[in-house]
Amino acid sequence: MTDVELKSKAVRGAAWGGVSSIVLRMGSLVVGIVLARILTPEQFGVYAVALTVQSILMTVADLGLSADLIRSEEPEKIAPTVATLGMVSGAVTTALAIASSGFVAQVLGSEAAAPAIAVLALTLFLAGVSIVPYAMLLRRFQQRELFWIGVVDFVVSTVVTLLLVFAGFGVMGLAIGRVSAQVVSSALQFVLAKERPRYGLDRERVRPVLAFGLPIATANLLAWGLLNVDNIVLVRIAGATALGYYVLAFNISNWPMSALSQSVRAIALPYFSRTDDASSSLARVTALGWAGALPAGAVLAVVSAPLISVLYGERWLTSAPVLSALGVFGALRVLFDIFNGFLYARGHARPVLWVQIAWLLALVVGMVLATTSFGIVGAAWVHVVVALVVILPMYLIALRRCGVRLGALLRGAVWPTVATVPAFAVAGLAVALIGSALPALLVGGFAAVAVYLAVVWRWGKRELRAMSA
């Protein structure tokens, strides 16, 4: 494959990947709203516990095998070995998860999650069996096929889940829906990748495959810890009901930030890899990223109560103060994604690893202390405090050692920060003065956007022109 063909495939793949992300996220949002109207906060929390356990085991079960197959120069030769290792790993983790589901649920403080953990464990085996076709689809940039697999997965999961939930299955309905969708999507991966199951074990290839994959699996496990350690601490200290409120708020805070982060990750690595002026390029991308993330987080924080009331119902209003904190944290996460992309592009991956380790340790300590004293609201603000006091300084030190001029970085963030203040104030005023949730949400949201754009529009156009020049 020539460089031109490779770039063409990559561009088409990126376009389909973007479409897939938007469509499936919107669908998940709608389904989440429907489920929140049916399920109780406790049921949400119980399912979150089961999903947390599944996430850990899925990270371990993969063993980094898919990544090795994607990058391999001889994918066809190592595929049978990868398929065998994936199937064995999936079978072992599935059996262990089913056998220990009751004990794990008890340790996590939610015994009601045991049946869901056992059912979700079946997805580990299914993922292990289909590891080769999935990796081949990614390797060939077949994002269109992956998009349709995702659509079918979503439809099957949604239909089965809603039917079972309406039939009174509760949390088990969500778990069975997830497994049903995994069965269909795994089969489709084989069909669309045009791969047939091939198993074998080449002893000469086992060691290099595992030598490459295990460090990746370890890094993925660490990244998982950053995303889910709060769930474990919360369910142990505050219980499944409190976790349900917290998870809802966290999911809402991910709406705008995930889209922004995905856009940032798509351009950061190639842009930073080609640029000659490190400080200027980072300052410009950071300024533009901050210009999108900060107002989104600030407005999300101030309209949290009417937003939750309108979409999910008043029984979920306990999530509102949690969402206020997580909106602020989401804005900081976008910054950290930019910094990660820059450090990776400059060949400085080790500082990112140390930041993640410090982040995980600080979160564990902070979560335990804050949740014990202040509940789920305290847990949410721990994210903000750790990000500002520990993580941001560590990133700035790492960037400075890479030759970045921190003054330029900070100056670029000034105008978006200034522009966010009146937008935040207008939204807050609307929420305070308008008693009804829907008008408060609409007026506050639109007014904040209008004020912010009026202040930042010319600056933003200038920065975009400079970046594309």
Protein backbone atom coordinates (compact mmCIF):
# COMPACT_ATOMS: atom_id res chain seq x y z
CA MET A 1 0.00 0.00 0.00
CA THR A 2 1.44 3.39 -1.03
CA ASP A 3 1.57 6.41 1.29
CA VAL A 4 -1.18 8.09 -0.74
CA GLU A 5 -3.45 5.06 -0.42
CA LEU A 6 -2.69 4.78 3.28
CA LYS A 7 -3.53 8.45 3.89
CA SER A 8 -6.73 8.12 1.85
CA LYS A 9 -7.83 5.11 3.89
CA ALA A 10 -6.94 6.88 7.12
CA VAL A 11 -8.95 9.99 6.18
CA ARG A 12 -12.01 7.94 5.21
CA GLY A 13 -11.64 5.90 8.37
CA ALA A 14 -11.45 9.04 10.50
CA ALA A 15 -14.58 10.43 8.84
CA TRP A 16 -16.56 7.25 9.46
CA GLY A 17 -15.20 7.09 13.00
CA GLY A 18 -16.47 10.61 13.65
CA VAL A 19 -19.92 9.82 12.26
CA SER A 20 -20.06 6.64 14.33
CA SER A 21 -19.16 8.48 17.51
CA ILE A 22 -21.81 11.18 17.05
CA VAL A 23 -24.63 8.84 16.01
CA LEU A 24 -24.01 6.25 18.72
CA ARG A 25 -23.52 8.86 21.44
CA MET A 26 -26.80 10.53 20.55
CA GLY A 27 -28.54 7.17 20.57
CA SER A 28 -27.03 6.26 23.92
CA LEU A 29 -28.14 9.62 25.31
CA VAL A 30 -31.76 8.99 24.33
CA VAL A 31 -31.74 5.44 25.70
CA GLY A 32 -30.11 6.65 28.91
CA ILE A 33 -32.89 9.19 29.41
CA VAL A 34 -35.54 6.51 28.87
CA LEU A 35 -33.87 4.10 31.30
CA ALA A 36 -33.46 6.82 33.92
CA ARG A 37 -37.22 7.33 33.80
CA ILE A 38 -37.79 3.61 34.44
CA LEU A 39 -34.98 2.47 36.74
CA THR A 40 -34.25 3.70 40.25
CA PRO A 41 -30.94 5.31 41.27
CA GLU A 42 -30.10 2.14 43.21
CA GLN A 43 -30.55 0.00 40.09
CA PHE A 44 -28.34 2.41 38.14
CA GLY A 45 -25.70 2.03 40.84
CA VAL A 46 -25.91 -1.76 40.89
CA TYR A 47 -25.43 -1.93 37.12
CA ALA A 48 -22.52 0.53 37.36
CA VAL A 49 -20.82 -1.86 39.79
CA ALA A 50 -21.25 -4.76 37.36
CA LEU A 51 -19.95 -2.69 34.45
CA THR A 52 -16.95 -1.61 36.51
CA VAL A 53 -15.98 -5.23 37.14
CA GLN A 54 -16.50 -6.08 33.47
CA SER A 55 -14.28 -3.16 32.44
CA ILE A 56 -11.41 -4.40 34.60
CA LEU A 57 -11.63 -7.93 33.29
CA MET A 58 -12.03 -6.83 29.67
CA THR A 59 -8.80 -4.84 29.97
CA VAL A 60 -6.97 -7.83 31.45
CA ALA A 61 -8.48 -10.38 29.06
CA ASP A 62 -7.36 -8.50 25.93
CA LEU A 63 -3.67 -8.84 26.93
CA GLY A 64 -2.81 -6.19 24.33
CA LEU A 65 -3.28 -8.84 21.63
CA SER A 66 -5.39 -6.68 19.31
CA ALA A 67 -2.77 -3.91 19.35
CA ASP A 68 -0.02 -6.34 18.37
CA LEU A 69 -2.06 -7.71 15.48
CA ILE A 70 -2.88 -4.20 14.23
CA ARG A 71 0.80 -3.18 14.08
CA SER A 72 2.27 -6.52 12.98
CA GLU A 73 4.09 -6.81 9.64
CA GLU A 74 2.89 -10.41 9.40
CA PRO A 75 -0.71 -10.33 10.64
CA GLU A 76 -1.77 -13.48 8.80
CA LYS A 77 1.04 -15.52 10.34
CA ILE A 78 0.42 -14.50 13.95
CA ALA A 79 -3.40 -14.46 13.68
CA PRO A 80 -3.93 -18.12 14.72
CA THR A 81 -1.70 -17.66 17.77
CA VAL A 82 -3.46 -14.42 18.71
CA ALA A 83 -6.86 -16.07 18.22
CA THR A 84 -5.91 -18.97 20.49
CA LEU A 85 -4.49 -16.73 23.21
CA GLY A 86 -7.55 -14.49 23.00
CA MET A 87 -9.98 -17.40 23.27
CA VAL A 88 -8.10 -18.96 26.21
CA SER A 89 -7.80 -15.62 28.02
CA GLY A 90 -11.49 -14.89 27.45
CA ALA A 91 -12.55 -18.32 28.66
CA VAL A 92 -10.40 -18.16 31.80
CA THR A 93 -11.52 -14.65 32.78
CA THR A 94 -15.16 -15.53 32.09
CA ALA A 95 -14.97 -18.63 34.29
CA LEU A 96 -13.20 -16.73 37.08
CA ALA A 97 -15.70 -13.87 36.91
CA ILE A 98 -18.71 -16.17 37.10
CA ALA A 99 -17.22 -18.22 39.94
CA SER A 100 -16.25 -15.16 41.98
CA SER A 101 -19.19 -12.88 41.12
CA GLY A 102 -20.82 -13.24 44.53
CA PHE A 103 -17.59 -12.62 46.43
CA VAL A 104 -16.60 -9.64 44.25
CA ALA A 105 -20.04 -8.05 44.61
CA GLN A 106 -19.87 -8.50 48.39
CA VAL A 107 -16.39 -6.95 48.56
CA LEU A 108 -17.59 -3.98 46.51
CA GLY A 109 -20.53 -3.51 48.86
CA SER A 110 -23.31 -4.35 46.41
CA GLU A 111 -24.38 -7.99 46.65
CA ALA A 112 -27.26 -7.29 44.27
CA ALA A 113 -24.71 -6.83 41.46
CA ALA A 114 -23.58 -10.50 41.57
CA PRO A 115 -26.04 -11.88 38.94
CA ALA A 116 -25.29 -9.02 36.55
CA ILE A 117 -21.53 -9.53 36.99
CA ALA A 118 -21.94 -13.23 36.15
CA VAL A 119 -24.00 -12.51 33.02
CA LEU A 120 -21.72 -9.71 31.78
CA ALA A 121 -18.75 -12.07 32.19
CA LEU A 122 -19.94 -13.86 29.04
CA THR A 123 -18.93 -10.80 27.00
CA LEU A 124 -15.29 -11.48 27.93
CA PHE A 125 -15.32 -14.84 26.15
CA LEU A 126 -17.15 -13.39 23.14
CA ALA A 127 -14.63 -10.55 22.86
CA GLY A 128 -11.74 -13.01 23.15
CA VAL A 129 -13.12 -15.22 20.38
CA SER A 130 -13.55 -12.26 17.98
CA ILE A 131 -10.28 -10.50 18.73
CA VAL A 132 -8.76 -11.29 15.30
CA PRO A 133 -11.58 -9.97 13.05
CA TYR A 134 -11.93 -6.87 15.23
CA ALA A 135 -8.21 -6.12 14.99
CA MET A 136 -8.23 -6.74 11.23
CA LEU A 137 -11.08 -4.28 10.73
CA LEU A 138 -9.10 -1.64 12.59
CA ARG A 139 -5.89 -2.49 10.77
CA ARG A 140 -7.56 -2.03 7.37
CA PHE A 141 -9.26 1.24 8.37
CA GLN A 142 -12.66 -0.40 7.83
CA GLN A 143 -14.43 2.17 9.99
CA ARG A 144 -17.54 2.03 7.80
CA GLU A 145 -17.96 -1.64 8.64
CA LEU A 146 -17.26 -0.93 12.32
CA PHE A 147 -19.87 1.82 12.21
CA TRP A 148 -22.57 -0.57 10.97
CA ILE A 149 -21.50 -3.17 13.51
CA GLY A 150 -21.89 -0.50 16.18
CA VAL A 151 -25.34 0.44 14.88
CA VAL A 152 -26.54 -3.18 14.92
CA ASP A 153 -25.00 -3.65 18.38
CA PHE A 154 -26.83 -0.57 19.62
CA VAL A 155 -30.18 -1.61 18.13
CA VAL A 156 -30.01 -5.16 19.51
CA SER A 157 -28.88 -3.98 22.93
CA THR A 158 -31.57 -1.29 23.09
CA VAL A 159 -34.45 -3.51 21.95
CA VAL A 160 -33.56 -6.42 24.23
CA THR A 161 -32.83 -4.16 27.20
CA LEU A 162 -36.03 -2.14 26.95
CA LEU A 163 -38.20 -5.22 26.44
CA LEU A 164 -36.70 -6.92 29.49
CA VAL A 165 -36.75 -3.79 31.66
CA PHE A 166 -40.41 -3.16 30.83
CA ALA A 167 -41.04 -6.84 31.63
CA GLY A 168 -39.64 -6.28 35.11
CA PHE A 169 -36.14 -7.75 34.77
CA GLY A 170 -34.50 -4.56 36.08
CA VAL A 171 -30.69 -4.63 36.16
CA MET A 172 -30.58 -8.11 34.62
CA GLY A 173 -32.35 -6.70 31.58
CA LEU A 174 -29.40 -4.37 30.96
CA ALA A 175 -26.89 -7.20 31.40
CA ILE A 176 -28.73 -9.62 29.09
CA GLY A 177 -29.15 -6.85 26.52
CA ARG A 178 -25.41 -6.23 26.55
CA VAL A 179 -24.58 -9.92 26.07
CA SER A 180 -27.15 -10.30 23.27
CA ALA A 181 -25.62 -7.38 21.41
CA GLN A 182 -22.12 -8.79 21.90
CA VAL A 183 -23.16 -12.11 20.34
CA VAL A 184 -24.47 -10.37 17.22
CA SER A 185 -21.58 -7.91 16.89
CA SER A 186 -18.96 -10.65 17.32
CA ALA A 187 -20.57 -12.66 14.52
CA LEU A 188 -20.73 -9.57 12.28
CA GLN A 189 -17.04 -8.88 12.86
CA PHE A 190 -16.16 -12.26 11.35
CA VAL A 191 -18.51 -11.70 8.40
CA LEU A 192 -17.46 -8.14 7.52
CA ALA A 193 -13.75 -8.75 8.10
CA LYS A 194 -14.05 -11.86 5.90
CA GLU A 195 -12.15 -13.84 8.49
CA ARG A 196 -12.89 -17.41 9.50
CA PRO A 197 -11.93 -18.75 12.93
CA ARG A 198 -8.36 -20.08 12.72
CA TYR A 199 -6.63 -21.39 15.81
CA GLY A 200 -3.12 -22.61 16.44
CA LEU A 201 -0.16 -21.98 18.71
CA ASP A 202 3.22 -21.09 17.25
CA ARG A 203 5.52 -21.28 20.26
CA GLU A 204 8.09 -19.03 18.62
CA ARG A 205 5.51 -16.26 18.31
CA VAL A 206 3.86 -16.53 21.73
CA ARG A 207 6.65 -14.78 23.61
CA PRO A 208 7.01 -11.71 21.33
CA VAL A 209 3.22 -11.35 21.13
CA LEU A 210 2.89 -11.32 24.91
CA ALA A 211 6.03 -9.21 25.36
CA PHE A 212 4.43 -6.48 23.27
CA GLY A 213 0.88 -6.89 24.52
CA LEU A 214 1.26 -7.21 28.28
CA PRO A 215 2.75 -3.70 28.84
CA ILE A 216 -0.12 -2.25 26.81
CA ALA A 217 -2.63 -4.21 28.88
CA THR A 218 -0.94 -2.86 32.03
CA ALA A 219 -1.13 0.72 30.76
CA ASN A 220 -4.78 0.23 29.82
CA LEU A 221 -5.47 -1.13 33.29
CA LEU A 222 -3.92 1.99 34.81
CA ALA A 223 -6.03 4.19 32.55
CA TRP A 224 -9.09 2.20 33.61
CA GLY A 225 -8.20 2.90 37.24
CA LEU A 226 -8.32 6.65 36.62
CA LEU A 227 -11.79 6.34 35.10
CA ASN A 228 -13.34 3.96 37.61
CA VAL A 229 -11.60 4.19 40.98
CA ASP A 230 -14.25 6.68 42.11
CA ASN A 231 -17.00 4.12 41.44
CA ILE A 232 -15.30 1.52 43.63
CA VAL A 233 -14.71 3.95 46.50
CA LEU A 234 -18.23 5.36 46.31
CA VAL A 235 -20.07 2.04 46.30
CA ARG A 236 -17.98 0.84 49.25
CA ILE A 237 -18.53 3.97 51.34
CA ALA A 238 -21.79 5.52 50.14
CA GLY A 239 -23.67 2.56 48.64
CA ALA A 240 -25.25 1.67 45.29
CA THR A 241 -27.96 4.36 45.39
CA ALA A 242 -25.41 7.15 45.85
CA LEU A 243 -23.32 5.64 43.06
CA GLY A 244 -26.36 5.73 40.78
CA TYR A 245 -26.72 9.50 41.24
CA TYR A 246 -22.99 9.98 40.75
CA VAL A 247 -22.80 7.87 37.58
CA LEU A 248 -25.67 9.78 36.01
CA ALA A 249 -23.89 13.09 36.65
CA PHE A 250 -20.60 11.73 35.32
CA ASN A 251 -22.28 10.49 32.14
CA ILE A 252 -23.88 13.90 31.53
CA SER A 253 -20.56 15.69 32.09
CA ASN A 254 -19.05 13.45 29.40
CA TRP A 255 -21.44 14.65 26.68
CA PRO A 256 -19.58 17.76 25.47
CA MET A 257 -16.16 16.86 26.84
CA SER A 258 -15.90 13.52 25.07
CA ALA A 259 -16.68 15.17 21.74
CA LEU A 260 -14.09 17.89 22.37
CA SER A 261 -11.48 15.42 23.58
CA GLN A 262 -12.01 13.19 20.56
CA SER A 263 -11.52 16.14 18.21
CA VAL A 264 -8.39 17.19 20.08
CA ARG A 265 -6.88 13.70 19.99
CA ALA A 266 -7.57 13.48 16.25
CA ILE A 267 -5.46 16.54 15.41
CA ALA A 268 -2.99 16.85 18.29
CA LEU A 269 -0.51 14.10 17.46
CA PRO A 270 -0.09 14.82 13.71
CA TYR A 271 -0.11 18.59 14.22
CA PHE A 272 2.46 18.61 17.00
CA SER A 273 4.63 16.07 15.16
CA ARG A 274 5.01 18.35 12.12
CA THR A 275 5.28 21.79 13.67
CA ASP A 276 8.62 23.51 14.14
CA ASP A 277 7.65 25.97 16.88
CA ALA A 278 6.63 23.81 19.84
CA SER A 279 5.61 26.59 22.22
CA SER A 280 3.50 28.52 19.72
CA SER A 281 1.72 25.45 18.38
CA LEU A 282 0.89 24.14 21.84
CA ALA A 283 -0.25 27.57 23.04
CA ARG A 284 -2.58 27.93 20.06
CA VAL A 285 -4.14 24.46 20.30
CA THR A 286 -4.48 24.83 24.07
CA ALA A 287 -6.19 28.19 23.68
CA LEU A 288 -8.69 26.83 21.15
CA GLY A 289 -9.35 23.70 23.20
CA TRP A 290 -9.84 25.77 26.35
CA ALA A 291 -12.14 28.11 24.41
CA GLY A 292 -14.47 25.19 23.77
CA ALA A 293 -14.08 23.27 27.02
CA LEU A 294 -14.28 26.00 29.67
CA PRO A 295 -17.61 27.58 28.62
CA ALA A 296 -19.12 24.12 28.08
CA GLY A 297 -18.08 23.04 31.57
CA ALA A 298 -19.12 26.32 33.17
CA VAL A 299 -22.58 26.42 31.57
CA LEU A 300 -23.11 22.73 32.33
CA ALA A 301 -22.31 23.48 35.97
CA VAL A 302 -24.72 26.38 36.30
CA VAL A 303 -27.68 24.77 34.47
CA SER A 304 -27.19 21.35 36.07
CA ALA A 305 -30.43 21.39 38.06
CA PRO A 306 -32.85 22.39 35.26
CA LEU A 307 -31.02 20.13 32.80
CA ILE A 308 -31.42 17.05 35.00
CA SER A 309 -34.99 17.97 35.92
CA VAL A 310 -36.07 18.32 32.27
CA LEU A 311 -34.30 15.26 30.86
CA TYR A 312 -34.31 12.78 33.72
CA GLY A 313 -36.97 13.94 36.16
CA GLU A 314 -36.92 15.56 39.58
CA ARG A 315 -36.07 12.34 41.44
CA TRP A 316 -32.54 12.64 39.96
CA LEU A 317 -31.91 16.19 41.24
CA THR A 318 -29.49 14.83 43.85
CA SER A 319 -27.10 14.53 40.88
CA ALA A 320 -27.17 18.30 40.18
CA PRO A 321 -24.42 19.49 42.59
CA VAL A 322 -22.29 16.54 41.48
CA LEU A 323 -22.68 17.61 37.85
CA SER A 324 -21.66 21.17 38.76
CA ALA A 325 -18.27 19.93 39.96
CA LEU A 326 -17.78 17.42 37.17
CA GLY A 327 -18.52 20.08 34.54
CA VAL A 328 -15.49 22.03 35.76
CA PHE A 329 -13.38 18.87 35.86
CA GLY A 330 -14.40 18.00 32.30
CA ALA A 331 -12.92 21.26 31.03
CA LEU A 332 -9.59 20.41 32.66
CA ARG A 333 -9.64 16.93 31.13
CA VAL A 334 -9.65 18.45 27.64
CA LEU A 335 -6.51 20.41 28.52
CA PHE A 336 -4.82 17.26 29.76
CA ASP A 337 -5.67 15.46 26.50
CA ILE A 338 -3.91 18.25 24.60
CA PHE A 339 -0.85 18.02 26.83
CA ASN A 340 -0.76 14.23 26.40
CA GLY A 341 -0.85 14.56 22.62
CA PHE A 342 2.00 17.07 22.67
CA LEU A 343 4.20 14.99 24.97
CA TYR A 344 3.61 11.83 22.93
CA ALA A 345 4.39 13.66 19.68
CA ARG A 346 7.66 14.93 21.15
CA GLY A 347 8.65 11.46 22.31
CA HIS A 348 8.14 12.15 26.03
CA ALA A 349 5.76 9.35 27.03
CA ARG A 350 7.34 8.63 30.42
CA PRO A 351 6.14 11.87 32.09
CA VAL A 352 2.57 10.95 31.09
CA LEU A 353 2.94 7.61 32.86
CA TRP A 354 4.18 9.30 36.05
CA VAL A 355 1.31 11.78 35.89
CA GLN A 356 -1.20 8.92 35.63
CA ILE A 357 0.35 7.10 38.59
CA ALA A 358 0.27 10.24 40.74
CA TRP A 359 -3.27 10.95 39.57
CA LEU A 360 -4.49 7.50 40.56
CA LEU A 361 -2.86 7.62 44.00
CA ALA A 362 -4.14 11.12 44.75
CA LEU A 363 -7.65 10.19 43.64
CA VAL A 364 -7.80 7.12 45.85
CA VAL A 365 -6.73 9.04 48.96
CA GLY A 366 -8.90 12.05 48.15
CA MET A 367 -11.97 9.97 47.31
CA VAL A 368 -11.85 8.04 50.57
CA LEU A 369 -11.47 11.17 52.70
CA ALA A 370 -13.98 13.34 50.82
CA THR A 371 -16.66 10.68 50.37
CA THR A 372 -16.56 9.80 54.06
CA SER A 373 -17.14 13.43 55.05
CA PHE A 374 -19.08 14.98 52.15
CA GLY A 375 -20.62 12.11 50.17
CA ILE A 376 -20.87 12.09 46.39
CA VAL A 377 -20.57 15.88 46.09
CA GLY A 378 -17.25 15.74 47.92
CA ALA A 379 -16.12 12.92 45.63
CA ALA A 380 -16.91 15.03 42.57
CA TRP A 381 -14.94 18.03 43.86
CA VAL A 382 -11.96 15.78 44.59
CA HIS A 383 -11.56 15.42 40.82
CA VAL A 384 -11.30 19.20 40.49
CA VAL A 385 -8.91 19.65 43.43
CA VAL A 386 -6.58 16.83 42.36
CA ALA A 387 -6.58 18.13 38.78
CA LEU A 388 -5.67 21.68 39.83
CA VAL A 389 -3.30 20.99 42.73
CA VAL A 390 -1.50 17.84 41.55
CA ILE A 391 -2.01 17.07 37.88
CA LEU A 392 -1.88 20.51 36.24
CA PRO A 393 1.44 21.46 37.94
CA MET A 394 2.95 18.10 36.94
CA TYR A 395 1.97 18.63 33.32
CA LEU A 396 3.34 22.18 33.31
CA ILE A 397 6.67 20.95 34.69
CA ALA A 398 6.83 18.23 32.03
CA LEU A 399 6.00 20.73 29.28
CA ARG A 400 8.61 23.19 30.48
CA ARG A 401 11.24 20.46 30.34
CA CYS A 402 10.22 19.92 26.72
CA GLY A 403 11.06 23.53 25.93
CA VAL A 404 7.56 24.97 26.12
CA ARG A 405 7.30 28.62 27.16
CA LEU A 406 4.65 28.54 29.87
CA GLY A 407 4.02 32.27 29.58
CA ALA A 408 2.73 31.86 26.02
CA LEU A 409 0.60 28.93 27.14
CA LEU A 410 -1.04 30.91 29.94
CA ARG A 411 -1.54 34.05 27.84
CA GLY A 412 -3.40 32.05 25.21
CA ALA A 413 -5.92 30.87 27.80
CA VAL A 414 -6.69 34.35 29.18
CA TRP A 415 -9.28 35.55 26.65
CA PRO A 416 -11.47 32.40 26.68
CA THR A 417 -11.41 32.56 30.48
CA VAL A 418 -12.45 36.21 30.49
CA ALA A 419 -15.21 35.54 27.93
CA THR A 420 -16.61 32.70 30.03
CA VAL A 421 -17.28 34.95 33.04
CA PRO A 422 -20.21 36.94 31.56
CA ALA A 423 -21.59 33.79 29.90
CA PHE A 424 -21.56 32.01 33.25
CA ALA A 425 -23.18 35.02 34.95
CA VAL A 426 -25.98 35.28 32.37
CA ALA A 427 -26.78 31.57 32.63
CA GLY A 428 -26.76 31.76 36.42
CA LEU A 429 -29.05 34.78 36.42
CA ALA A 430 -31.55 33.01 34.15
CA VAL A 431 -31.61 29.92 36.35
CA ALA A 432 -32.04 32.05 39.49
CA LEU A 433 -34.86 34.23 38.12
CA ILE A 434 -36.86 31.70 36.09
CA GLY A 435 -38.75 29.26 38.26
CA SER A 436 -39.68 26.68 35.63
CA ALA A 437 -36.95 24.20 34.66
CA LEU A 438 -37.44 24.08 30.87
CA PRO A 439 -37.55 27.87 30.28
CA ALA A 440 -34.60 28.32 32.66
CA LEU A 441 -32.59 25.73 30.74
CA LEU A 442 -33.39 27.16 27.32
CA VAL A 443 -32.98 30.84 28.21
CA GLY A 444 -29.88 30.25 30.32
CA GLY A 445 -28.21 28.03 27.74
CA PHE A 446 -28.92 30.17 24.68
CA ALA A 447 -28.08 33.42 26.49
CA ALA A 448 -24.76 32.02 27.67
CA VAL A 449 -23.83 30.86 24.17
CA ALA A 450 -24.80 34.22 22.64
CA VAL A 451 -22.83 36.26 25.18
CA TYR A 452 -19.78 34.03 24.93
CA LEU A 453 -19.69 34.07 21.13
CA ALA A 454 -20.11 37.85 21.07
CA VAL A 455 -17.01 38.25 23.23
CA VAL A 456 -14.81 35.53 21.76
CA TRP A 457 -15.79 35.44 18.07
CA ARG A 458 -13.10 37.70 16.57
CA TRP A 459 -10.40 36.21 18.76
CA GLY A 460 -11.41 32.69 17.74
CA LYS A 461 -11.35 33.48 14.01
CA ARG A 462 -7.90 35.02 14.37
CA GLU A 463 -6.55 32.00 16.23
CA LEU A 464 -8.00 29.55 13.70
CA ARG A 465 -6.47 31.49 10.79
CA ALA A 466 -3.10 31.52 12.54
CA MET A 467 -3.27 27.79 13.19
CA SER A 468 -4.14 26.92 9.59
CA ALA A 469 -1.55 29.28 8.10
